[in-house]
Amino acid sequence: MPEVQRNSTAFNKVREEIEKRRQKLNDDLQREQTRWREEQQQLVNQRASLSPEELRTKERDLQERVTDSQRIFRDRSRNIEQAAQQALQEIEQALAVVIRRSRPAAR
């Protein structure tokens, strides 16, 4: 089965698509992390001009956005992995059917 999978066009296309999705997720996460760092730096720069309450509010808002984004990225990652697993299982099942049909019947 592993040899058939390696040579399977469908299997390879699924793997390529999953890798594209993982890479996009990683790229999005890196962009988001850069944005968080920039916003954190802005807060540091504004520290002297903000009241303690304003600063706490802005820091809390940023932390909430970070937490929400992390949850969204975890969900996206889980969805990608579930889709990959389901697609690969379907291919394995189809390959198993083909292999069973191609074997001569035992007598």
PDB file of N, CA and C in Angstrom:
ATOM      1  N   MET A   1       0.818  -1.203   0.000  1.00  0.00           N
ATOM      2  CA  MET A   1       0.000   0.000   0.000  1.00  0.00           C
ATOM      3  C   MET A   1       0.863   1.270   0.000  1.00  0.00           C
ATOM      4  N   PRO A   2       1.926   1.351   0.818  1.00  0.00           N
ATOM      5  CA  PRO A   2       2.737   2.577   0.802  1.00  0.00           C
ATOM      6  C   PRO A   2       3.329   2.873  -0.584  1.00  0.00           C
ATOM      7  N   GLU A   3       3.737   1.835  -1.302  1.00  0.00           N
ATOM      8  CA  GLU A   3       4.299   2.032  -2.644  1.00  0.00           C
ATOM      9  C   GLU A   3       3.223   2.561  -3.592  1.00  0.00           C
ATOM     10  N   VAL A   4       2.036   2.023  -3.497  1.00  0.00           N
ATOM     11  CA  VAL A   4       0.925   2.478  -4.344  1.00  0.00           C
ATOM     12  C   VAL A   4       0.602   3.934  -4.020  1.00  0.00           C
ATOM     13  N   GLN A   5       0.603   4.279  -2.736  1.00  0.00           N
ATOM     14  CA  GLN A   5       0.318   5.655  -2.332  1.00  0.00           C
ATOM     15  C   GLN A   5       1.351   6.620  -2.902  1.00  0.00           C
ATOM     16  N   ARG A   6       2.625   6.248  -2.812  1.00  0.00           N
ATOM     17  CA  ARG A   6       3.677   7.129  -3.326  1.00  0.00           C
ATOM     18  C   ARG A   6       3.501   7.394  -4.814  1.00  0.00           C
ATOM     19  N   ASN A   7       2.998   6.428  -5.534  1.00  0.00           N
ATOM     20  CA  ASN A   7       2.827   6.559  -6.979  1.00  0.00           C
ATOM     21  C   ASN A   7       1.437   7.044  -7.377  1.00  0.00           C
ATOM     22  N   SER A   8       0.577   7.247  -6.412  1.00  0.00           N
ATOM     23  CA  SER A   8      -0.796   7.664  -6.674  1.00  0.00           C
ATOM     24  C   SER A   8      -0.863   9.164  -6.944  1.00  0.00           C
ATOM     25  N   THR A   9      -1.427   9.515  -8.088  1.00  0.00           N
ATOM     26  CA  THR A   9      -1.599  10.924  -8.429  1.00  0.00           C
ATOM     27  C   THR A   9      -2.515  11.608  -7.418  1.00  0.00           C
ATOM     28  N   ALA A  10      -3.606  10.956  -7.073  1.00  0.00           N
ATOM     29  CA  ALA A  10      -4.556  11.541  -6.118  1.00  0.00           C
ATOM     30  C   ALA A  10      -3.879  11.762  -4.759  1.00  0.00           C
ATOM     31  N   PHE A  11      -3.129  10.775  -4.322  1.00  0.00           N
ATOM     32  CA  PHE A  11      -2.440  10.880  -3.032  1.00  0.00           C
ATOM     33  C   PHE A  11      -1.456  12.049  -3.054  1.00  0.00           C
ATOM     34  N   ASN A  12      -0.687  12.156  -4.119  1.00  0.00           N
ATOM     35  CA  ASN A  12       0.300  13.239  -4.228  1.00  0.00           C
ATOM     36  C   ASN A  12      -0.366  14.608  -4.323  1.00  0.00           C
ATOM     37  N   LYS A  13      -1.485  14.693  -5.017  1.00  0.00           N
ATOM     38  CA  LYS A  13      -2.198  15.972  -5.115  1.00  0.00           C
ATOM     39  C   LYS A  13      -2.739  16.393  -3.754  1.00  0.00           C
ATOM     40  N   VAL A  14      -3.252  15.447  -3.009  1.00  0.00           N
ATOM     41  CA  VAL A  14      -3.756  15.761  -1.663  1.00  0.00           C
ATOM     42  C   VAL A  14      -2.609  16.247  -0.795  1.00  0.00           C
ATOM     43  N   ARG A  15      -1.490  15.543  -0.838  1.00  0.00           N
ATOM     44  CA  ARG A  15      -0.332  15.974  -0.042  1.00  0.00           C
ATOM     45  C   ARG A  15       0.123  17.374  -0.429  1.00  0.00           C
ATOM     46  N   GLU A  16       0.171  17.658  -1.732  1.00  0.00           N
ATOM     47  CA  GLU A  16       0.572  18.993  -2.193  1.00  0.00           C
ATOM     48  C   GLU A  16      -0.399  20.066  -1.708  1.00  0.00           C
ATOM     49  N   GLU A  17      -1.688  19.788  -1.804  1.00  0.00           N
ATOM     50  CA  GLU A  17      -2.703  20.751  -1.364  1.00  0.00           C
ATOM     51  C   GLU A  17      -2.609  20.991   0.139  1.00  0.00           C
ATOM     52  N   ILE A  18      -2.416  19.943   0.888  1.00  0.00           N
ATOM     53  CA  ILE A  18      -2.289  20.083   2.338  1.00  0.00           C
ATOM     54  C   ILE A  18      -1.052  20.907   2.676  1.00  0.00           C
ATOM     55  N   GLU A  19       0.042  20.657   1.978  1.00  0.00           N
ATOM     56  CA  GLU A  19       1.259  21.439   2.222  1.00  0.00           C
ATOM     57  C   GLU A  19       1.040  22.912   1.885  1.00  0.00           C
ATOM     58  N   LYS A  20       0.320  23.198   0.813  1.00  0.00           N
ATOM     59  CA  LYS A  20       0.009  24.590   0.462  1.00  0.00           C
ATOM     60  C   LYS A  20      -0.803  25.245   1.574  1.00  0.00           C
ATOM     61  N   ARG A  21      -1.789  24.527   2.080  1.00  0.00           N
ATOM     62  CA  ARG A  21      -2.630  25.071   3.151  1.00  0.00           C
ATOM     63  C   ARG A  21      -1.827  25.299   4.426  1.00  0.00           C
ATOM     64  N   ARG A  22      -0.954  24.352   4.752  1.00  0.00           N
ATOM     65  CA  ARG A  22      -0.111  24.513   5.941  1.00  0.00           C
ATOM     66  C   ARG A  22       0.812  25.715   5.779  1.00  0.00           C
ATOM     67  N   GLN A  23       1.383  25.875   4.581  1.00  0.00           N
ATOM     68  CA  GLN A  23       2.290  26.996   4.343  1.00  0.00           C
ATOM     69  C   GLN A  23       1.547  28.331   4.431  1.00  0.00           C
ATOM     70  N   LYS A  24       0.340  28.382   3.870  1.00  0.00           N
ATOM     71  CA  LYS A  24      -0.456  29.609   3.951  1.00  0.00           C
ATOM     72  C   LYS A  24      -0.780  29.937   5.405  1.00  0.00           C
ATOM     73  N   LEU A  25      -1.153  28.926   6.158  1.00  0.00           N
ATOM     74  CA  LEU A  25      -1.439  29.126   7.582  1.00  0.00           C
ATOM     75  C   LEU A  25      -0.199  29.661   8.293  1.00  0.00           C
ATOM     76  N   ASN A  26       0.940  29.073   8.009  1.00  0.00           N
ATOM     77  CA  ASN A  26       2.186  29.526   8.630  1.00  0.00           C
ATOM     78  C   ASN A  26       2.502  30.970   8.232  1.00  0.00           C
ATOM     79  N   ASP A  27       2.340  31.293   6.958  1.00  0.00           N
ATOM     80  CA  ASP A  27       2.580  32.666   6.489  1.00  0.00           C
ATOM     81  C   ASP A  27       1.641  33.650   7.183  1.00  0.00           C
ATOM     82  N   ASP A  28       0.369  33.282   7.263  1.00  0.00           N
ATOM     83  CA  ASP A  28      -0.616  34.144   7.937  1.00  0.00           C
ATOM     84  C   ASP A  28      -0.254  34.332   9.400  1.00  0.00           C
ATOM     85  N   LEU A  29       0.157  33.258  10.047  1.00  0.00           N
ATOM     86  CA  LEU A  29       0.523  33.334  11.459  1.00  0.00           C
ATOM     87  C   LEU A  29       1.735  34.250  11.648  1.00  0.00           C
ATOM     88  N   GLN A  30       2.722  34.124  10.786  1.00  0.00           N
ATOM     89  CA  GLN A  30       3.900  34.984  10.901  1.00  0.00           C
ATOM     90  C   GLN A  30       3.533  36.456  10.703  1.00  0.00           C
ATOM     91  N   ARG A  31       2.659  36.741   9.734  1.00  0.00           N
ATOM     92  CA  ARG A  31       2.207  38.123   9.525  1.00  0.00           C
ATOM     93  C   ARG A  31       1.486  38.646  10.756  1.00  0.00           C
ATOM     94  N   GLU A  32       0.629  37.818  11.311  1.00  0.00           N
ATOM     95  CA  GLU A  32      -0.132  38.220  12.494  1.00  0.00           C
ATOM     96  C   GLU A  32       0.801  38.457  13.683  1.00  0.00           C
ATOM     97  N   GLN A  33       1.773  37.598  13.864  1.00  0.00           N
ATOM     98  CA  GLN A  33       2.720  37.777  14.961  1.00  0.00           C
ATOM     99  C   GLN A  33       3.525  39.065  14.789  1.00  0.00           C
ATOM    100  N   THR A  34       3.887  39.377  13.565  1.00  0.00           N
ATOM    101  CA  THR A  34       4.594  40.639  13.300  1.00  0.00           C
ATOM    102  C   THR A  34       3.708  41.810  13.670  1.00  0.00           C
ATOM    103  N   ARG A  35       2.436  41.746  13.321  1.00  0.00           N
ATOM    104  CA  ARG A  35       1.483  42.803  13.665  1.00  0.00           C
ATOM    105  C   ARG A  35       1.371  42.961  15.181  1.00  0.00           C
ATOM    106  N   TRP A  36       1.311  41.834  15.902  1.00  0.00           N
ATOM    107  CA  TRP A  36       1.224  41.911  17.365  1.00  0.00           C
ATOM    108  C   TRP A  36       2.445  42.602  17.947  1.00  0.00           C
ATOM    109  N   ARG A  37       3.629  42.227  17.442  1.00  0.00           N
ATOM    110  CA  ARG A  37       4.856  42.842  17.947  1.00  0.00           C
ATOM    111  C   ARG A  37       4.876  44.342  17.657  1.00  0.00           C
ATOM    112  N   GLU A  38       4.418  44.727  16.468  1.00  0.00           N
ATOM    113  CA  GLU A  38       4.367  46.154  16.118  1.00  0.00           C
ATOM    114  C   GLU A  38       3.411  46.905  17.031  1.00  0.00           C
ATOM    115  N   GLU A  39       2.258  46.325  17.295  1.00  0.00           N
ATOM    116  CA  GLU A  39       1.295  46.973  18.179  1.00  0.00           C
ATOM    117  C   GLU A  39       1.833  47.053  19.605  1.00  0.00           C
ATOM    118  N   GLN A  40       2.526  46.009  20.028  1.00  0.00           N
ATOM    119  CA  GLN A  40       3.128  46.037  21.364  1.00  0.00           C
ATOM    120  C   GLN A  40       4.175  47.149  21.439  1.00  0.00           C
ATOM    121  N   GLN A  41       4.960  47.294  20.394  1.00  0.00           N
ATOM    122  CA  GLN A  41       5.976  48.351  20.369  1.00  0.00           C
ATOM    123  C   GLN A  41       5.313  49.736  20.382  1.00  0.00           C
ATOM    124  N   GLN A  42       4.198  49.880  19.676  1.00  0.00           N
ATOM    125  CA  GLN A  42       3.475  51.157  19.695  1.00  0.00           C
ATOM    126  C   GLN A  42       3.008  51.495  21.110  1.00  0.00           C
ATOM    127  N   LEU A  43       2.539  50.465  21.818  1.00  0.00           N
ATOM    128  CA  LEU A  43       2.118  50.696  23.203  1.00  0.00           C
ATOM    129  C   LEU A  43       3.300  51.140  24.069  1.00  0.00           C
ATOM    130  N   VAL A  44       4.442  50.527  23.854  1.00  0.00           N
ATOM    131  CA  VAL A  44       5.641  50.929  24.609  1.00  0.00           C
ATOM    132  C   VAL A  44       5.966  52.383  24.309  1.00  0.00           C
ATOM    133  N   ASN A  45       5.876  52.740  23.025  1.00  0.00           N
ATOM    134  CA  ASN A  45       6.189  54.113  22.620  1.00  0.00           C
ATOM    135  C   ASN A  45       5.175  55.121  23.155  1.00  0.00           C
ATOM    136  N   GLN A  46       3.934  54.696  23.346  1.00  0.00           N
ATOM    137  CA  GLN A  46       2.868  55.591  23.811  1.00  0.00           C
ATOM    138  C   GLN A  46       2.756  55.623  25.334  1.00  0.00           C
ATOM    139  N   ARG A  47       3.521  54.791  25.985  1.00  0.00           N
ATOM    140  CA  ARG A  47       3.402  54.633  27.442  1.00  0.00           C
ATOM    141  C   ARG A  47       3.414  55.981  28.177  1.00  0.00           C
ATOM    142  N   ALA A  48       4.297  56.866  27.775  1.00  0.00           N
ATOM    143  CA  ALA A  48       4.419  58.160  28.466  1.00  0.00           C
ATOM    144  C   ALA A  48       3.222  59.067  28.207  1.00  0.00           C
ATOM    145  N   SER A  49       2.569  58.912  27.075  1.00  0.00           N
ATOM    146  CA  SER A  49       1.474  59.819  26.725  1.00  0.00           C
ATOM    147  C   SER A  49       0.094  59.277  27.117  1.00  0.00           C
ATOM    148  N   LEU A  50       0.029  58.053  27.590  1.00  0.00           N
ATOM    149  CA  LEU A  50      -1.261  57.466  27.982  1.00  0.00           C
ATOM    150  C   LEU A  50      -1.393  57.431  29.487  1.00  0.00           C
ATOM    151  N   SER A  51      -2.627  57.539  29.930  1.00  0.00           N
ATOM    152  CA  SER A  51      -2.877  57.366  31.361  1.00  0.00           C
ATOM    153  C   SER A  51      -2.735  55.873  31.679  1.00  0.00           C
ATOM    154  N   PRO A  52      -2.517  55.532  32.937  1.00  0.00           N
ATOM    155  CA  PRO A  52      -2.407  54.114  33.304  1.00  0.00           C
ATOM    156  C   PRO A  52      -3.638  53.308  32.881  1.00  0.00           C
ATOM    157  N   GLU A  53      -4.813  53.912  33.013  1.00  0.00           N
ATOM    158  CA  GLU A  53      -6.043  53.219  32.623  1.00  0.00           C
ATOM    159  C   GLU A  53      -6.100  52.989  31.108  1.00  0.00           C
ATOM    160  N   GLU A  54      -5.758  54.010  30.332  1.00  0.00           N
ATOM    161  CA  GLU A  54      -5.734  53.867  28.871  1.00  0.00           C
ATOM    162  C   GLU A  54      -4.733  52.792  28.452  1.00  0.00           C
ATOM    163  N   LEU A  55      -3.597  52.789  29.083  1.00  0.00           N
ATOM    164  CA  LEU A  55      -2.568  51.808  28.774  1.00  0.00           C
ATOM    165  C   LEU A  55      -3.060  50.396  29.091  1.00  0.00           C
ATOM    166  N   ARG A  56      -3.664  50.215  30.264  1.00  0.00           N
ATOM    167  CA  ARG A  56      -4.210  48.899  30.639  1.00  0.00           C
ATOM    168  C   ARG A  56      -5.279  48.452  29.651  1.00  0.00           C
ATOM    169  N   THR A  57      -6.134  49.384  29.250  1.00  0.00           N
ATOM    170  CA  THR A  57      -7.200  49.048  28.295  1.00  0.00           C
ATOM    171  C   THR A  57      -6.616  48.610  26.963  1.00  0.00           C
ATOM    172  N   LYS A  58      -5.653  49.365  26.460  1.00  0.00           N
ATOM    173  CA  LYS A  58      -5.030  49.014  25.177  1.00  0.00           C
ATOM    174  C   LYS A  58      -4.277  47.685  25.268  1.00  0.00           C
ATOM    175  N   GLU A  59      -3.581  47.464  26.375  1.00  0.00           N
ATOM    176  CA  GLU A  59      -2.867  46.193  26.548  1.00  0.00           C
ATOM    177  C   GLU A  59      -3.846  45.030  26.632  1.00  0.00           C
ATOM    178  N   ARG A  60      -4.953  45.233  27.355  1.00  0.00           N
ATOM    179  CA  ARG A  60      -5.975  44.186  27.473  1.00  0.00           C
ATOM    180  C   ARG A  60      -6.603  43.900  26.110  1.00  0.00           C
ATOM    181  N   ASP A  61      -6.907  44.943  25.331  1.00  0.00           N
ATOM    182  CA  ASP A  61      -7.475  44.757  23.992  1.00  0.00           C
ATOM    183  C   ASP A  61      -6.522  43.974  23.096  1.00  0.00           C
ATOM    184  N   LEU A  62      -5.250  44.340  23.157  1.00  0.00           N
ATOM    185  CA  LEU A  62      -4.258  43.629  22.344  1.00  0.00           C
ATOM    186  C   LEU A  62      -4.180  42.168  22.768  1.00  0.00           C
ATOM    187  N   GLN A  63      -4.152  41.909  24.057  1.00  0.00           N
ATOM    188  CA  GLN A  63      -4.076  40.533  24.542  1.00  0.00           C
ATOM    189  C   GLN A  63      -5.304  39.730  24.114  1.00  0.00           C
ATOM    190  N   GLU A  64      -6.470  40.345  24.136  1.00  0.00           N
ATOM    191  CA  GLU A  64      -7.688  39.660  23.693  1.00  0.00           C
ATOM    192  C   GLU A  64      -7.613  39.325  22.208  1.00  0.00           C
ATOM    193  N   ARG A  65      -7.104  40.270  21.408  1.00  0.00           N
ATOM    194  CA  ARG A  65      -6.954  40.003  19.963  1.00  0.00           C
ATOM    195  C   ARG A  65      -5.954  38.880  19.722  1.00  0.00           C
ATOM    196  N   VAL A  66      -4.864  38.884  20.484  1.00  0.00           N
ATOM    197  CA  VAL A  66      -3.863  37.822  20.350  1.00  0.00           C
ATOM    198  C   VAL A  66      -4.486  36.472  20.701  1.00  0.00           C
ATOM    199  N   THR A  67      -5.187  36.426  21.811  1.00  0.00           N
ATOM    200  CA  THR A  67      -5.824  35.180  22.248  1.00  0.00           C
ATOM    201  C   THR A  67      -6.842  34.692  21.217  1.00  0.00           C
ATOM    202  N   ASP A  68      -7.675  35.591  20.711  1.00  0.00           N
ATOM    203  CA  ASP A  68      -8.663  35.220  19.691  1.00  0.00           C
ATOM    204  C   ASP A  68      -7.977  34.711  18.424  1.00  0.00           C
ATOM    205  N   SER A  69      -6.941  35.393  18.005  1.00  0.00           N
ATOM    206  CA  SER A  69      -6.219  34.990  16.799  1.00  0.00           C
ATOM    207  C   SER A  69      -5.563  33.628  16.982  1.00  0.00           C
ATOM    208  N   GLN A  70      -5.000  33.406  18.150  1.00  0.00           N
ATOM    209  CA  GLN A  70      -4.374  32.099  18.407  1.00  0.00           C
ATOM    210  C   GLN A  70      -5.405  30.982  18.329  1.00  0.00           C
ATOM    211  N   ARG A  71      -6.581  31.227  18.870  1.00  0.00           N
ATOM    212  CA  ARG A  71      -7.660  30.226  18.798  1.00  0.00           C
ATOM    213  C   ARG A  71      -8.043  29.966  17.347  1.00  0.00           C
ATOM    214  N   ILE A  72      -8.163  31.038  16.564  1.00  0.00           N
ATOM    215  CA  ILE A  72      -8.529  30.907  15.150  1.00  0.00           C
ATOM    216  C   ILE A  72      -7.460  30.115  14.401  1.00  0.00           C
ATOM    217  N   PHE A  73      -6.193  30.396  14.671  1.00  0.00           N
ATOM    218  CA  PHE A  73      -5.120  29.660  14.000  1.00  0.00           C
ATOM    219  C   PHE A  73      -5.114  28.192  14.418  1.00  0.00           C
ATOM    220  N   ARG A  74      -5.372  27.910  15.696  1.00  0.00           N
ATOM    221  CA  ARG A  74      -5.464  26.505  16.137  1.00  0.00           C
ATOM    222  C   ARG A  74      -6.608  25.798  15.421  1.00  0.00           C
ATOM    223  N   ASP A  75      -7.757  26.479  15.298  1.00  0.00           N
ATOM    224  CA  ASP A  75      -8.909  25.891  14.607  1.00  0.00           C
ATOM    225  C   ASP A  75      -8.588  25.631  13.138  1.00  0.00           C
ATOM    226  N   ARG A  76      -7.959  26.605  12.496  1.00  0.00           N
ATOM    227  CA  ARG A  76      -7.581  26.424  11.090  1.00  0.00           C
ATOM    228  C   ARG A  76      -6.628  25.246  10.929  1.00  0.00           C
ATOM    229  N   SER A  77      -5.668  25.148  11.816  1.00  0.00           N
ATOM    230  CA  SER A  77      -4.706  24.048  11.757  1.00  0.00           C
ATOM    231  C   SER A  77      -5.410  22.708  11.946  1.00  0.00           C
ATOM    232  N   ARG A  78      -6.296  22.645  12.925  1.00  0.00           N
ATOM    233  CA  ARG A  78      -7.047  21.409  13.172  1.00  0.00           C
ATOM    234  C   ARG A  78      -7.903  21.048  11.957  1.00  0.00           C
ATOM    235  N   ASN A  79      -8.534  22.043  11.336  1.00  0.00           N
ATOM    236  CA  ASN A  79      -9.352  21.784  10.151  1.00  0.00           C
ATOM    237  C   ASN A  79      -8.517  21.248   8.994  1.00  0.00           C
ATOM    238  N   ILE A  80      -7.328  21.804   8.816  1.00  0.00           N
ATOM    239  CA  ILE A  80      -6.436  21.329   7.761  1.00  0.00           C
ATOM    240  C   ILE A  80      -6.065  19.870   8.015  1.00  0.00           C
ATOM    241  N   GLU A  81      -5.702  19.563   9.240  1.00  0.00           N
ATOM    242  CA  GLU A  81      -5.285  18.197   9.572  1.00  0.00           C
ATOM    243  C   GLU A  81      -6.457  17.216   9.422  1.00  0.00           C
ATOM    244  N   GLN A  82      -7.651  17.631   9.811  1.00  0.00           N
ATOM    245  CA  GLN A  82      -8.823  16.757   9.668  1.00  0.00           C
ATOM    246  C   GLN A  82      -9.139  16.519   8.195  1.00  0.00           C
ATOM    247  N   ALA A  83      -9.049  17.571   7.385  1.00  0.00           N
ATOM    248  CA  ALA A  83      -9.303  17.419   5.945  1.00  0.00           C
ATOM    249  C   ALA A  83      -8.265  16.498   5.316  1.00  0.00           C
ATOM    250  N   ALA A  84      -7.026  16.645   5.728  1.00  0.00           N
ATOM    251  CA  ALA A  84      -5.957  15.787   5.198  1.00  0.00           C
ATOM    252  C   ALA A  84      -6.224  14.338   5.562  1.00  0.00           C
ATOM    253  N   GLN A  85      -6.542  14.113   6.813  1.00  0.00           N
ATOM    254  CA  GLN A  85      -6.786  12.751   7.276  1.00  0.00           C
ATOM    255  C   GLN A  85      -7.965  12.125   6.539  1.00  0.00           C
ATOM    256  N   GLN A  86      -9.030  12.882   6.372  1.00  0.00           N
ATOM    257  CA  GLN A  86     -10.212  12.361   5.684  1.00  0.00           C
ATOM    258  C   GLN A  86      -9.898  12.058   4.218  1.00  0.00           C
ATOM    259  N   ALA A  87      -9.216  12.975   3.532  1.00  0.00           N
ATOM    260  CA  ALA A  87      -8.893  12.765   2.122  1.00  0.00           C
ATOM    261  C   ALA A  87      -7.994  11.555   1.954  1.00  0.00           C
ATOM    262  N   LEU A  88      -6.999  11.416   2.808  1.00  0.00           N
ATOM    263  CA  LEU A  88      -6.086  10.277   2.692  1.00  0.00           C
ATOM    264  C   LEU A  88      -6.786   8.960   3.014  1.00  0.00           C
ATOM    265  N   GLN A  89      -7.707   8.971   3.958  1.00  0.00           N
ATOM    266  CA  GLN A  89      -8.477   7.763   4.263  1.00  0.00           C
ATOM    267  C   GLN A  89      -9.340   7.356   3.068  1.00  0.00           C
ATOM    268  N   GLU A  90      -9.951   8.342   2.421  1.00  0.00           N
ATOM    269  CA  GLU A  90     -10.778   8.045   1.242  1.00  0.00           C
ATOM    270  C   GLU A  90      -9.929   7.442   0.129  1.00  0.00           C
ATOM    271  N   ILE A  91      -8.739   7.974  -0.065  1.00  0.00           N
ATOM    272  CA  ILE A  91      -7.848   7.435  -1.092  1.00  0.00           C
ATOM    273  C   ILE A  91      -7.438   6.009  -0.728  1.00  0.00           C
ATOM    274  N   GLU A  92      -7.084   5.793   0.534  1.00  0.00           N
ATOM    275  CA  GLU A  92      -6.698   4.445   0.971  1.00  0.00           C
ATOM    276  C   GLU A  92      -7.838   3.451   0.755  1.00  0.00           C
ATOM    277  N   GLN A  93      -9.057   3.881   1.072  1.00  0.00           N
ATOM    278  CA  GLN A  93     -10.205   2.997   0.881  1.00  0.00           C
ATOM    279  C   GLN A  93     -10.402   2.684  -0.599  1.00  0.00           C
ATOM    280  N   ALA A  94     -10.280   3.694  -1.447  1.00  0.00           N
ATOM    281  CA  ALA A  94     -10.429   3.477  -2.887  1.00  0.00           C
ATOM    282  C   ALA A  94      -9.326   2.567  -3.405  1.00  0.00           C
ATOM    283  N   LEU A  95      -8.114   2.768  -2.934  1.00  0.00           N
ATOM    284  CA  LEU A  95      -7.006   1.910  -3.363  1.00  0.00           C
ATOM    285  C   LEU A  95      -7.232   0.472  -2.901  1.00  0.00           C
ATOM    286  N   ALA A  96      -7.726   0.305  -1.703  1.00  0.00           N
ATOM    287  CA  ALA A  96      -7.993  -1.042  -1.185  1.00  0.00           C
ATOM    288  C   ALA A  96      -9.030  -1.751  -2.056  1.00  0.00           C
ATOM    289  N   VAL A  97     -10.053  -1.036  -2.487  1.00  0.00           N
ATOM    290  CA  VAL A  97     -11.075  -1.618  -3.363  1.00  0.00           C
ATOM    291  C   VAL A  97     -10.446  -2.042  -4.685  1.00  0.00           C
ATOM    292  N   VAL A  98      -9.624  -1.176  -5.251  1.00  0.00           N
ATOM    293  CA  VAL A  98      -8.962  -1.490  -6.530  1.00  0.00           C
ATOM    294  C   VAL A  98      -8.060  -2.706  -6.370  1.00  0.00           C
ATOM    295  N   ILE A  99      -7.312  -2.751  -5.270  1.00  0.00           N
ATOM    296  CA  ILE A  99      -6.403  -3.882  -5.055  1.00  0.00           C
ATOM    297  C   ILE A  99      -7.190  -5.171  -4.891  1.00  0.00           C
ATOM    298  N   ARG A 100      -8.284  -5.132  -4.121  1.00  0.00           N
ATOM    299  CA  ARG A 100      -9.108  -6.334  -3.945  1.00  0.00           C
ATOM    300  C   ARG A 100      -9.687  -6.811  -5.275  1.00  0.00           C
ATOM    301  N   ARG A 101     -10.132  -5.864  -6.093  1.00  0.00           N
ATOM    302  CA  ARG A 101     -10.716  -6.239  -7.393  1.00  0.00           C
ATOM    303  C   ARG A 101      -9.679  -6.785  -8.354  1.00  0.00           C
ATOM    304  N   SER A 102      -8.451  -6.343  -8.227  1.00  0.00           N
ATOM    305  CA  SER A 102      -7.417  -6.780  -9.173  1.00  0.00           C
ATOM    306  C   SER A 102      -6.816  -8.122  -8.805  1.00  0.00           C
ATOM    307  N   ARG A 103      -7.058  -8.604  -7.581  1.00  0.00           N
ATOM    308  CA  ARG A 103      -6.553  -9.917  -7.178  1.00  0.00           C
ATOM    309  C   ARG A 103      -7.448 -11.006  -7.758  1.00  0.00           C
ATOM    310  N   PRO A 104      -6.828 -12.068  -8.229  1.00  0.00           N
ATOM    311  CA  PRO A 104      -7.661 -13.180  -8.703  1.00  0.00           C
ATOM    312  C   PRO A 104      -8.375 -13.838  -7.517  1.00  0.00           C
ATOM    313  N   ALA A 105      -9.558 -14.282  -7.752  1.00  0.00           N
ATOM    314  CA  ALA A 105     -10.350 -14.912  -6.682  1.00  0.00           C
ATOM    315  C   ALA A 105      -9.695 -16.202  -6.253  1.00  0.00           C
ATOM    316  N   ALA A 106      -9.619 -16.406  -4.944  1.00  0.00           N
ATOM    317  CA  ALA A 106      -9.034 -17.642  -4.408  1.00  0.00           C
ATOM    318  C   ALA A 106     -10.027 -18.768  -4.579  1.00  0.00           C
ATOM    319  N   ARG A 107      -9.528 -19.927  -4.907  1.00  0.00           N
ATOM    320  CA  ARG A 107     -10.420 -21.089  -5.113  1.00  0.00           C
ATOM    321  C   ARG A 107     -10.171 -22.143  -4.100  1.00  0.00           C
TER     322      ARG A 107
END
